[in-house]
Amino acid sequence: MSIASLLSRLAGETSIPALEHDAFQEACLAQTCHVVDVREPHEFAAGHIPHAQNHPLSTFDPARLPVGKPVVLVCQAGGRSARAMQQAHAHGRTDVIHYLPGTGGWRAQGGPVAM
């Protein structure tokens, strides 16, 4: 399922559908989404999804999220990105989802990592 179709399903949903790895990797490679990593700077520096921006949860402000394309939030294993997504949705951002497996899952699936 593509990110765009996943976001369209969010309207009226009470639970967030899962973003599949293949759809996320395809969107990352095509740069059709913004990837925002909410881990702390030292974690981000140790390896992150290529083209990701770092907006640590400790200082997270939904108003600073990029616009123009869907936003996919990531952390190490899904907990922090889920909290950031809740904050973004509370701020009215309906174009924000998170990648539950996180950077750990991305690496486990063989996704490329930038330093």
Protein backbone atom coordinates (compact mmCIF):
# COMPACT_ATOMS: atom_id res chain seq x y z
CA MET A 1 0.00 0.00 0.00
CA SER A 2 1.41 3.40 -0.95
CA ILE A 3 1.83 6.22 1.55
CA ALA A 4 -0.79 8.32 -0.25
CA SER A 5 -3.41 5.55 -0.11
CA LEU A 6 -2.54 4.86 3.51
CA LEU A 7 -3.06 8.52 4.39
CA SER A 8 -6.39 8.58 2.59
CA ARG A 9 -7.54 5.67 4.78
CA LEU A 10 -6.75 7.66 7.92
CA ALA A 11 -9.84 9.87 7.59
CA GLY A 12 -12.34 8.52 10.08
CA GLU A 13 -10.10 5.68 11.25
CA THR A 14 -9.67 4.99 14.94
CA SER A 15 -6.45 3.03 14.45
CA ILE A 16 -3.49 3.75 12.21
CA PRO A 17 -2.95 1.17 9.46
CA ALA A 18 0.57 -0.24 9.20
CA LEU A 19 3.03 1.21 6.71
CA GLU A 20 4.63 -1.75 4.98
CA HIS A 21 8.40 -1.77 4.57
CA ASP A 22 8.37 -2.12 0.77
CA ALA A 23 6.02 0.87 0.32
CA PHE A 24 8.10 2.94 2.73
CA GLN A 25 11.40 2.02 1.06
CA GLU A 26 9.95 2.81 -2.38
CA ALA A 27 8.75 6.22 -1.14
CA CYS A 28 12.15 6.91 0.45
CA LEU A 29 14.06 6.04 -2.69
CA ALA A 30 11.70 8.10 -4.87
CA GLN A 31 11.74 10.89 -2.25
CA THR A 32 7.93 11.13 -2.35
CA CYS A 33 7.76 11.60 1.40
CA HIS A 34 9.63 13.51 4.09
CA VAL A 35 11.31 11.21 6.61
CA VAL A 36 11.63 12.73 10.08
CA ASP A 37 13.70 10.83 12.63
CA VAL A 38 12.68 11.69 16.20
CA ARG A 39 15.63 9.98 17.90
CA GLU A 40 18.17 12.06 19.76
CA PRO A 41 21.05 13.61 17.76
CA HIS A 42 23.65 11.07 18.91
CA GLU A 43 21.39 8.21 17.76
CA PHE A 44 20.74 9.94 14.43
CA ALA A 45 24.48 10.49 13.89
CA ALA A 46 25.12 6.77 14.42
CA GLY A 47 23.02 5.93 11.34
CA HIS A 48 19.71 7.01 9.84
CA ILE A 49 17.48 6.49 6.83
CA PRO A 50 18.92 8.44 3.86
CA HIS A 51 17.48 11.96 3.43
CA ALA A 52 15.92 11.89 6.91
CA GLN A 53 15.72 15.08 8.95
CA ASN A 54 16.35 14.98 12.70
CA HIS A 55 13.66 16.45 14.96
CA PRO A 56 14.29 14.85 18.38
CA LEU A 57 11.21 13.99 20.41
CA SER A 58 12.73 15.84 23.38
CA THR A 59 12.28 19.12 21.48
CA PHE A 60 9.59 18.02 19.00
CA ASP A 61 7.36 20.77 17.61
CA PRO A 62 4.78 19.69 15.03
CA ALA A 63 4.80 23.23 13.60
CA ARG A 64 8.39 22.62 12.42
CA LEU A 65 7.52 19.54 10.35
CA PRO A 66 8.17 19.87 6.61
CA VAL A 67 5.25 20.38 4.24
CA GLY A 68 4.49 19.54 0.63
CA LYS A 69 4.74 15.74 0.87
CA PRO A 70 3.50 13.17 3.40
CA VAL A 71 5.66 12.94 6.54
CA VAL A 72 6.82 9.57 7.88
CA LEU A 73 8.14 9.67 11.44
CA VAL A 74 10.70 7.10 12.58
CA CYS A 75 12.60 6.32 15.77
CA GLN A 76 14.44 3.19 16.88
CA ALA A 77 11.48 0.85 17.44
CA GLY A 78 8.22 2.81 17.04
CA GLY A 79 7.44 4.18 20.50
CA ARG A 80 8.77 7.71 20.16
CA SER A 81 7.54 8.11 16.59
CA ALA A 82 4.03 7.07 17.73
CA ARG A 83 4.09 9.81 20.41
CA ALA A 84 5.33 12.37 17.88
CA MET A 85 2.59 11.30 15.45
CA GLN A 86 -0.05 11.82 18.15
CA GLN A 87 1.31 15.33 18.74
CA ALA A 88 1.27 16.08 15.00
CA HIS A 89 -2.31 14.83 14.64
CA ALA A 90 -3.37 16.94 17.65
CA HIS A 91 -1.85 19.90 15.79
CA GLY A 92 -4.06 19.14 12.78
CA ARG A 93 -1.43 17.47 10.61
CA THR A 94 -3.30 14.69 8.81
CA ASP A 95 -0.40 13.94 6.45
CA VAL A 96 1.79 12.40 9.16
CA ILE A 97 2.21 8.67 9.87
CA HIS A 98 4.92 6.63 11.50
CA TYR A 99 6.93 3.59 10.52
CA LEU A 100 6.34 1.21 13.42
CA PRO A 101 9.42 -1.02 12.95
CA GLY A 102 11.64 2.06 13.24
CA THR A 103 15.26 2.31 12.23
CA GLY A 104 15.93 -1.09 13.77
CA GLY A 105 13.32 -2.67 11.50
CA TRP A 106 14.57 -0.69 8.52
CA ARG A 107 18.08 -2.07 9.06
CA ALA A 108 16.77 -5.60 9.65
CA GLN A 109 15.02 -5.45 6.26
CA GLY A 110 18.28 -4.39 4.58
CA GLY A 111 17.34 -0.74 4.12
CA PRO A 112 20.23 1.62 3.36
CA VAL A 113 21.66 3.68 6.20
CA ALA A 114 23.38 7.06 6.02
CA MET A 115 25.82 8.46 8.56
